[in-house]
């Protein structure tokens, strides 16, 4: 169940779909945490995953969202290209 608090915040009372977790394990992310973060990002239809995690930045090629480090995100934000 998703309960909308405002336009950006949700309270979730459901697990991340296992099929998405399996997808991100298959894309090369470690199963314990990183695959869940990738799966959650896609599940929530995030446009960007902002991370300094080397696995995301180096290894992940996701079609569902762009992976940026914080400085790249800020640079794009300042240029108005997000």
PDB file of N, CA and C in Angstrom:
ATOM      1  N   UNK A   1       0.838  -1.168   0.000  1.00  0.00           N
ATOM      2  CA  UNK A   1       0.000   0.000   0.000  1.00  0.00           C
ATOM      3  C   UNK A   1       0.887   1.237   0.000  1.00  0.00           C
ATOM      4  N   UNK A   2       0.604   2.192  -0.870  1.00  0.00           N
ATOM      5  CA  UNK A   2       1.313   3.463  -0.903  1.00  0.00           C
ATOM      6  C   UNK A   2       0.386   4.539  -0.380  1.00  0.00           C
ATOM      7  N   UNK A   3       0.847   5.274   0.577  1.00  0.00           N
ATOM      8  CA  UNK A   3       0.062   6.372   1.134  1.00  0.00           C
ATOM      9  C   UNK A   3       0.769   7.662   0.773  1.00  0.00           C
ATOM     10  N   UNK A   4       0.124   8.491  -0.007  1.00  0.00           N
ATOM     11  CA  UNK A   4       0.740   9.735  -0.442  1.00  0.00           C
ATOM     12  C   UNK A   4       0.617  10.791   0.654  1.00  0.00           C
ATOM     13  N   UNK A   5       1.768  11.305   1.077  1.00  0.00           N
ATOM     14  CA  UNK A   5       1.785  12.375   2.069  1.00  0.00           C
ATOM     15  C   UNK A   5       1.788  13.724   1.365  1.00  0.00           C
ATOM     16  N   UNK A   6       2.586  13.871   0.368  1.00  0.00           N
ATOM     17  CA  UNK A   6       2.572  15.032  -0.512  1.00  0.00           C
ATOM     18  C   UNK A   6       3.053  14.568  -1.869  1.00  0.00           C
ATOM     19  N   UNK A   7       3.474  15.467  -2.721  1.00  0.00           N
ATOM     20  CA  UNK A   7       3.820  15.074  -4.087  1.00  0.00           C
ATOM     21  C   UNK A   7       5.090  14.239  -4.194  1.00  0.00           C
ATOM     22  N   UNK A   8       5.918  14.177  -3.160  1.00  0.00           N
ATOM     23  CA  UNK A   8       7.204  13.478  -3.266  1.00  0.00           C
ATOM     24  C   UNK A   8       7.417  12.398  -2.227  1.00  0.00           C
ATOM     25  N   UNK A   9       6.609  12.308  -1.225  1.00  0.00           N
ATOM     26  CA  UNK A   9       6.889  11.417  -0.109  1.00  0.00           C
ATOM     27  C   UNK A   9       5.791  10.359   0.005  1.00  0.00           C
ATOM     28  N   UNK A  10       6.229   9.097   0.154  1.00  0.00           N
ATOM     29  CA  UNK A  10       5.299   7.989   0.327  1.00  0.00           C
ATOM     30  C   UNK A  10       5.696   7.185   1.552  1.00  0.00           C
ATOM     31  N   UNK A  11       4.726   6.582   2.184  1.00  0.00           N
ATOM     32  CA  UNK A  11       4.967   5.566   3.195  1.00  0.00           C
ATOM     33  C   UNK A  11       4.608   4.241   2.538  1.00  0.00           C
ATOM     34  N   UNK A  12       5.555   3.327   2.511  1.00  0.00           N
ATOM     35  CA  UNK A  12       5.330   2.045   1.855  1.00  0.00           C
ATOM     36  C   UNK A  12       5.224   0.937   2.876  1.00  0.00           C
ATOM     37  N   UNK A  13       4.278   0.082   2.648  1.00  0.00           N
ATOM     38  CA  UNK A  13       4.119  -1.080   3.499  1.00  0.00           C
ATOM     39  C   UNK A  13       4.092  -2.327   2.621  1.00  0.00           C
ATOM     40  N   UNK A  14       5.041  -2.401   1.685  1.00  0.00           N
ATOM     41  CA  UNK A  14       5.150  -3.539   0.785  1.00  0.00           C
ATOM     42  C   UNK A  14       6.622  -3.779   0.497  1.00  0.00           C
ATOM     43  N   UNK A  15       6.985  -5.008   0.230  1.00  0.00           N
ATOM     44  CA  UNK A  15       8.378  -5.285  -0.121  1.00  0.00           C
ATOM     45  C   UNK A  15       8.662  -4.893  -1.571  1.00  0.00           C
ATOM     46  N   UNK A  16       9.920  -4.607  -1.846  1.00  0.00           N
ATOM     47  CA  UNK A  16      10.345  -4.358  -3.221  1.00  0.00           C
ATOM     48  C   UNK A  16      10.091  -5.647  -4.014  1.00  0.00           C
ATOM     49  N   UNK A  17       9.498  -5.537  -5.197  1.00  0.00           N
ATOM     50  CA  UNK A  17       9.217  -6.745  -5.976  1.00  0.00           C
ATOM     51  C   UNK A  17      10.480  -7.571  -6.233  1.00  0.00           C
ATOM     52  N   UNK A  18      10.389  -8.834  -5.918  1.00  0.00           N
ATOM     53  CA  UNK A  18      11.551  -9.729  -6.042  1.00  0.00           C
ATOM     54  C   UNK A  18      12.056  -9.804  -7.481  1.00  0.00           C
ATOM     55  N   UNK A  19      11.158  -9.695  -8.458  1.00  0.00           N
ATOM     56  CA  UNK A  19      11.584  -9.743  -9.856  1.00  0.00           C
ATOM     57  C   UNK A  19      12.514  -8.578 -10.190  1.00  0.00           C
ATOM     58  N   UNK A  20      12.251  -7.411  -9.609  1.00  0.00           N
ATOM     59  CA  UNK A  20      13.139  -6.275  -9.841  1.00  0.00           C
ATOM     60  C   UNK A  20      14.482  -6.474  -9.144  1.00  0.00           C
ATOM     61  N   UNK A  21      14.463  -7.017  -7.933  1.00  0.00           N
ATOM     62  CA  UNK A  21      15.716  -7.295  -7.226  1.00  0.00           C
ATOM     63  C   UNK A  21      16.566  -8.266  -8.047  1.00  0.00           C
ATOM     64  N   UNK A  22      15.935  -9.314  -8.550  1.00  0.00           N
ATOM     65  CA  UNK A  22      16.633 -10.299  -9.371  1.00  0.00           C
ATOM     66  C   UNK A  22      17.204  -9.645 -10.631  1.00  0.00           C
ATOM     67  N   UNK A  23      16.465  -8.735 -11.220  1.00  0.00           N
ATOM     68  CA  UNK A  23      16.941  -8.008 -12.401  1.00  0.00           C
ATOM     69  C   UNK A  23      18.242  -7.270 -12.088  1.00  0.00           C
ATOM     70  N   UNK A  24      18.288  -6.579 -10.949  1.00  0.00           N
ATOM     71  CA  UNK A  24      19.473  -5.784 -10.617  1.00  0.00           C
ATOM     72  C   UNK A  24      20.644  -6.647 -10.148  1.00  0.00           C
ATOM     73  N   UNK A  25      20.358  -7.795  -9.596  1.00  0.00           N
ATOM     74  CA  UNK A  25      21.436  -8.755  -9.324  1.00  0.00           C
ATOM     75  C   UNK A  25      22.038  -9.184 -10.661  1.00  0.00           C
ATOM     76  N   UNK A  26      21.171  -9.446 -11.639  1.00  0.00           N
ATOM     77  CA  UNK A  26      21.623  -9.828 -12.969  1.00  0.00           C
ATOM     78  C   UNK A  26      22.403  -8.735 -13.688  1.00  0.00           C
ATOM     79  N   UNK A  27      22.157  -7.479 -13.305  1.00  0.00           N
ATOM     80  CA  UNK A  27      22.896  -6.359 -13.888  1.00  0.00           C
ATOM     81  C   UNK A  27      24.237  -6.136 -13.189  1.00  0.00           C
ATOM     82  N   UNK A  28      24.534  -6.987 -12.197  1.00  0.00           N
ATOM     83  CA  UNK A  28      25.856  -6.943 -11.578  1.00  0.00           C
ATOM     84  C   UNK A  28      25.946  -6.280 -10.223  1.00  0.00           C
ATOM     85  N   UNK A  29      24.822  -5.912  -9.633  1.00  0.00           N
ATOM     86  CA  UNK A  29      24.876  -5.292  -8.311  1.00  0.00           C
ATOM     87  C   UNK A  29      24.884  -6.357  -7.221  1.00  0.00           C
ATOM     88  N   UNK A  30      25.604  -6.108  -6.120  1.00  0.00           N
ATOM     89  CA  UNK A  30      25.597  -7.057  -5.008  1.00  0.00           C
ATOM     90  C   UNK A  30      24.178  -7.252  -4.468  1.00  0.00           C
ATOM     91  N   UNK A  31      23.863  -8.492  -4.141  1.00  0.00           N
ATOM     92  CA  UNK A  31      22.497  -8.863  -3.777  1.00  0.00           C
ATOM     93  C   UNK A  31      22.027  -8.291  -2.447  1.00  0.00           C
ATOM     94  N   UNK A  32      22.920  -8.094  -1.496  1.00  0.00           N
ATOM     95  CA  UNK A  32      22.474  -7.729  -0.148  1.00  0.00           C
ATOM     96  C   UNK A  32      21.834  -6.358  -0.066  1.00  0.00           C
ATOM     97  N   UNK A  33      22.394  -5.346  -0.706  1.00  0.00           N
ATOM     98  CA  UNK A  33      21.829  -4.006  -0.563  1.00  0.00           C
ATOM     99  C   UNK A  33      21.683  -3.292  -1.895  1.00  0.00           C
ATOM    100  N   UNK A  34      22.742  -3.277  -2.692  1.00  0.00           N
ATOM    101  CA  UNK A  34      22.731  -2.485  -3.911  1.00  0.00           C
ATOM    102  C   UNK A  34      21.634  -2.903  -4.877  1.00  0.00           C
ATOM    103  N   UNK A  35      21.393  -4.180  -5.018  1.00  0.00           N
ATOM    104  CA  UNK A  35      20.333  -4.644  -5.915  1.00  0.00           C
ATOM    105  C   UNK A  35      18.967  -4.150  -5.436  1.00  0.00           C
ATOM    106  N   UNK A  36      18.775  -4.082  -4.135  1.00  0.00           N
ATOM    107  CA  UNK A  36      17.513  -3.577  -3.595  1.00  0.00           C
ATOM    108  C   UNK A  36      17.364  -2.079  -3.859  1.00  0.00           C
ATOM    109  N   UNK A  37      18.458  -1.337  -3.792  1.00  0.00           N
ATOM    110  CA  UNK A  37      18.404   0.102  -4.056  1.00  0.00           C
ATOM    111  C   UNK A  37      18.077   0.349  -5.524  1.00  0.00           C
ATOM    112  N   UNK A  38      18.733  -0.377  -6.420  1.00  0.00           N
ATOM    113  CA  UNK A  38      18.415  -0.253  -7.835  1.00  0.00           C
ATOM    114  C   UNK A  38      16.970  -0.635  -8.125  1.00  0.00           C
ATOM    115  N   UNK A  39      16.532  -1.741  -7.556  1.00  0.00           N
ATOM    116  CA  UNK A  39      15.158  -2.206  -7.756  1.00  0.00           C
ATOM    117  C   UNK A  39      14.149  -1.203  -7.199  1.00  0.00           C
ATOM    118  N   UNK A  40      14.438  -0.678  -6.019  1.00  0.00           N
ATOM    119  CA  UNK A  40      13.539   0.304  -5.412  1.00  0.00           C
ATOM    120  C   UNK A  40      13.459   1.564  -6.271  1.00  0.00           C
ATOM    121  N   UNK A  41      14.588   2.003  -6.809  1.00  0.00           N
ATOM    122  CA  UNK A  41      14.604   3.198  -7.654  1.00  0.00           C
ATOM    123  C   UNK A  41      13.725   3.009  -8.880  1.00  0.00           C
ATOM    124  N   UNK A  42      13.825   1.844  -9.504  1.00  0.00           N
ATOM    125  CA  UNK A  42      12.972   1.576 -10.666  1.00  0.00           C
ATOM    126  C   UNK A  42      11.510   1.456 -10.251  1.00  0.00           C
ATOM    127  N   UNK A  43      11.256   0.753  -9.175  1.00  0.00           N
ATOM    128  CA  UNK A  43       9.889   0.547  -8.691  1.00  0.00           C
ATOM    129  C   UNK A  43       9.199   1.881  -8.408  1.00  0.00           C
ATOM    130  N   UNK A  44       9.941   2.834  -7.866  1.00  0.00           N
ATOM    131  CA  UNK A  44       9.379   4.145  -7.540  1.00  0.00           C
ATOM    132  C   UNK A  44       9.434   5.112  -8.723  1.00  0.00           C
ATOM    133  N   UNK A  45       9.914   4.605  -9.859  1.00  0.00           N
ATOM    134  CA  UNK A  45      10.007   5.383 -11.090  1.00  0.00           C
ATOM    135  C   UNK A  45      10.847   6.645 -10.910  1.00  0.00           C
ATOM    136  N   UNK A  46      11.971   6.492 -10.196  1.00  0.00           N
ATOM    137  CA  UNK A  46      12.900   7.604 -10.012  1.00  0.00           C
ATOM    138  C   UNK A  46      13.542   7.955 -11.346  1.00  0.00           C
ATOM    139  N   UNK A  47      13.757   9.219 -11.574  1.00  0.00           N
ATOM    140  CA  UNK A  47      14.468   9.637 -12.786  1.00  0.00           C
ATOM    141  C   UNK A  47      15.972   9.551 -12.590  1.00  0.00           C
ATOM    142  N   UNK A  48      16.428   9.760 -11.344  1.00  0.00           N
ATOM    143  CA  UNK A  48      17.858   9.774 -11.040  1.00  0.00           C
ATOM    144  C   UNK A  48      18.135   9.008  -9.763  1.00  0.00           C
ATOM    145  N   UNK A  49      19.265   8.317  -9.756  1.00  0.00           N
ATOM    146  CA  UNK A  49      19.809   7.719  -8.543  1.00  0.00           C
ATOM    147  C   UNK A  49      21.119   8.451  -8.301  1.00  0.00           C
ATOM    148  N   UNK A  50      21.187   9.187  -7.217  1.00  0.00           N
ATOM    149  CA  UNK A  50      22.373   9.980  -6.898  1.00  0.00           C
ATOM    150  C   UNK A  50      23.168   9.208  -5.866  1.00  0.00           C
ATOM    151  N   UNK A  51      24.412   8.883  -6.237  1.00  0.00           N
ATOM    152  CA  UNK A  51      25.204   8.014  -5.374  1.00  0.00           C
ATOM    153  C   UNK A  51      26.686   8.211  -5.624  1.00  0.00           C
ATOM    154  N   UNK A  52      27.470   8.023  -4.586  1.00  0.00           N
ATOM    155  CA  UNK A  52      28.925   7.950  -4.723  1.00  0.00           C
ATOM    156  C   UNK A  52      29.378   6.495  -4.638  1.00  0.00           C
ATOM    157  N   UNK A  53      28.432   5.571  -4.612  1.00  0.00           N
ATOM    158  CA  UNK A  53      28.727   4.144  -4.540  1.00  0.00           C
ATOM    159  C   UNK A  53      29.386   3.694  -5.839  1.00  0.00           C
ATOM    160  N   UNK A  54      30.561   3.135  -5.741  1.00  0.00           N
ATOM    161  CA  UNK A  54      31.315   2.753  -6.932  1.00  0.00           C
ATOM    162  C   UNK A  54      30.604   1.701  -7.776  1.00  0.00           C
ATOM    163  N   UNK A  55      29.810   0.818  -7.162  1.00  0.00           N
ATOM    164  CA  UNK A  55      29.087  -0.189  -7.948  1.00  0.00           C
ATOM    165  C   UNK A  55      28.062   0.457  -8.870  1.00  0.00           C
ATOM    166  N   UNK A  56      27.341   1.436  -8.354  1.00  0.00           N
ATOM    167  CA  UNK A  56      26.350   2.104  -9.191  1.00  0.00           C
ATOM    168  C   UNK A  56      27.025   2.905 -10.287  1.00  0.00           C
ATOM    169  N   UNK A  57      28.041   3.668  -9.924  1.00  0.00           N
ATOM    170  CA  UNK A  57      28.656   4.570 -10.884  1.00  0.00           C
ATOM    171  C   UNK A  57      29.461   3.836 -11.945  1.00  0.00           C
ATOM    172  N   UNK A  58      30.107   2.769 -11.559  1.00  0.00           N
ATOM    173  CA  UNK A  58      30.978   2.056 -12.485  1.00  0.00           C
ATOM    174  C   UNK A  58      30.237   0.963 -13.240  1.00  0.00           C
ATOM    175  N   UNK A  59      29.402   0.217 -12.557  1.00  0.00           N
ATOM    176  CA  UNK A  59      28.866  -1.020 -13.125  1.00  0.00           C
ATOM    177  C   UNK A  59      27.439  -0.945 -13.663  1.00  0.00           C
ATOM    178  N   UNK A  60      26.611  -0.115 -13.088  1.00  0.00           N
ATOM    179  CA  UNK A  60      25.191  -0.191 -13.417  1.00  0.00           C
ATOM    180  C   UNK A  60      24.853   0.573 -14.692  1.00  0.00           C
ATOM    181  N   UNK A  61      24.207  -0.105 -15.606  1.00  0.00           N
ATOM    182  CA  UNK A  61      23.675   0.497 -16.821  1.00  0.00           C
ATOM    183  C   UNK A  61      22.179   0.211 -16.826  1.00  0.00           C
ATOM    184  N   UNK A  62      21.430   1.098 -16.192  1.00  0.00           N
ATOM    185  CA  UNK A  62      19.987   0.904 -16.059  1.00  0.00           C
ATOM    186  C   UNK A  62      19.250   1.769 -17.080  1.00  0.00           C
ATOM    187  N   UNK A  63      18.223   1.212 -17.652  1.00  0.00           N
ATOM    188  CA  UNK A  63      17.389   1.979 -18.572  1.00  0.00           C
ATOM    189  C   UNK A  63      16.320   2.772 -17.829  1.00  0.00           C
ATOM    190  N   UNK A  64      16.010   2.367 -16.619  1.00  0.00           N
ATOM    191  CA  UNK A  64      14.897   2.958 -15.874  1.00  0.00           C
ATOM    192  C   UNK A  64      15.233   4.319 -15.276  1.00  0.00           C
ATOM    193  N   UNK A  65      16.516   4.588 -15.013  1.00  0.00           N
ATOM    194  CA  UNK A  65      16.919   5.847 -14.387  1.00  0.00           C
ATOM    195  C   UNK A  65      18.382   6.119 -14.701  1.00  0.00           C
ATOM    196  N   UNK A  66      18.787   7.364 -14.535  1.00  0.00           N
ATOM    197  CA  UNK A  66      20.190   7.734 -14.701  1.00  0.00           C
ATOM    198  C   UNK A  66      20.888   7.678 -13.354  1.00  0.00           C
ATOM    199  N   UNK A  67      22.123   7.199 -13.352  1.00  0.00           N
ATOM    200  CA  UNK A  67      22.940   7.153 -12.139  1.00  0.00           C
ATOM    201  C   UNK A  67      23.965   8.281 -12.234  1.00  0.00           C
ATOM    202  N   UNK A  68      23.920   9.181 -11.266  1.00  0.00           N
ATOM    203  CA  UNK A  68      24.820  10.332 -11.234  1.00  0.00           C
ATOM    204  C   UNK A  68      25.474  10.439  -9.875  1.00  0.00           C
ATOM    205  N   UNK A  69      26.700  10.973  -9.848  1.00  0.00           N
ATOM    206  CA  UNK A  69      27.244  11.325  -8.537  1.00  0.00           C
ATOM    207  C   UNK A  69      26.696  12.710  -8.181  1.00  0.00           C
ATOM    208  N   UNK A  70      26.894  13.115  -6.947  1.00  0.00           N
ATOM    209  CA  UNK A  70      26.285  14.359  -6.459  1.00  0.00           C
ATOM    210  C   UNK A  70      26.743  15.576  -7.253  1.00  0.00           C
ATOM    211  N   UNK A  71      28.031  15.643  -7.587  1.00  0.00           N
ATOM    212  CA  UNK A  71      28.520  16.824  -8.312  1.00  0.00           C
ATOM    213  C   UNK A  71      27.930  16.905  -9.722  1.00  0.00           C
ATOM    214  N   UNK A  72      27.761  15.767 -10.389  1.00  0.00           N
ATOM    215  CA  UNK A  72      27.149  15.770 -11.720  1.00  0.00           C
ATOM    216  C   UNK A  72      25.682  16.188 -11.632  1.00  0.00           C
ATOM    217  N   UNK A  73      24.978  15.713 -10.609  1.00  0.00           N
ATOM    218  CA  UNK A  73      23.582  16.105 -10.438  1.00  0.00           C
ATOM    219  C   UNK A  73      23.467  17.618 -10.220  1.00  0.00           C
ATOM    220  N   UNK A  74      24.305  18.168  -9.316  1.00  0.00           N
ATOM    221  CA  UNK A  74      24.280  19.608  -9.037  1.00  0.00           C
ATOM    222  C   UNK A  74      24.618  20.395 -10.303  1.00  0.00           C
ATOM    223  N   UNK A  75      25.620  19.943 -11.047  1.00  0.00           N
ATOM    224  CA  UNK A  75      25.995  20.620 -12.288  1.00  0.00           C
ATOM    225  C   UNK A  75      24.828  20.660 -13.265  1.00  0.00           C
ATOM    226  N   UNK A  76      24.147  19.534 -13.435  1.00  0.00           N
ATOM    227  CA  UNK A  76      22.984  19.501 -14.333  1.00  0.00           C
ATOM    228  C   UNK A  76      21.866  20.388 -13.814  1.00  0.00           C
ATOM    229  N   UNK A  77      21.654  20.360 -12.488  1.00  0.00           N
ATOM    230  CA  UNK A  77      20.618  21.183 -11.872  1.00  0.00           C
ATOM    231  C   UNK A  77      20.876  22.663 -12.152  1.00  0.00           C
ATOM    232  N   UNK A  78      22.124  23.090 -11.945  1.00  0.00           N
ATOM    233  CA  UNK A  78      22.488  24.494 -12.151  1.00  0.00           C
ATOM    234  C   UNK A  78      22.351  24.900 -13.614  1.00  0.00           C
ATOM    235  N   UNK A  79      22.597  23.977 -14.522  1.00  0.00           N
ATOM    236  CA  UNK A  79      22.467  24.261 -15.960  1.00  0.00           C
ATOM    237  C   UNK A  79      21.030  24.114 -16.459  1.00  0.00           C
ATOM    238  N   UNK A  80      20.168  23.605 -15.594  1.00  0.00           N
ATOM    239  CA  UNK A  80      18.759  23.429 -15.968  1.00  0.00           C
ATOM    240  C   UNK A  80      18.518  22.311 -16.955  1.00  0.00           C
ATOM    241  N   UNK A  81      19.379  21.271 -16.899  1.00  0.00           N
ATOM    242  CA  UNK A  81      19.227  20.168 -17.851  1.00  0.00           C
ATOM    243  C   UNK A  81      18.755  18.876 -17.203  1.00  0.00           C
ATOM    244  N   UNK A  82      18.063  18.959 -16.107  1.00  0.00           N
ATOM    245  CA  UNK A  82      17.514  17.750 -15.472  1.00  0.00           C
ATOM    246  C   UNK A  82      16.145  17.468 -16.023  1.00  0.00           C
TER     247      UNK A  82
END
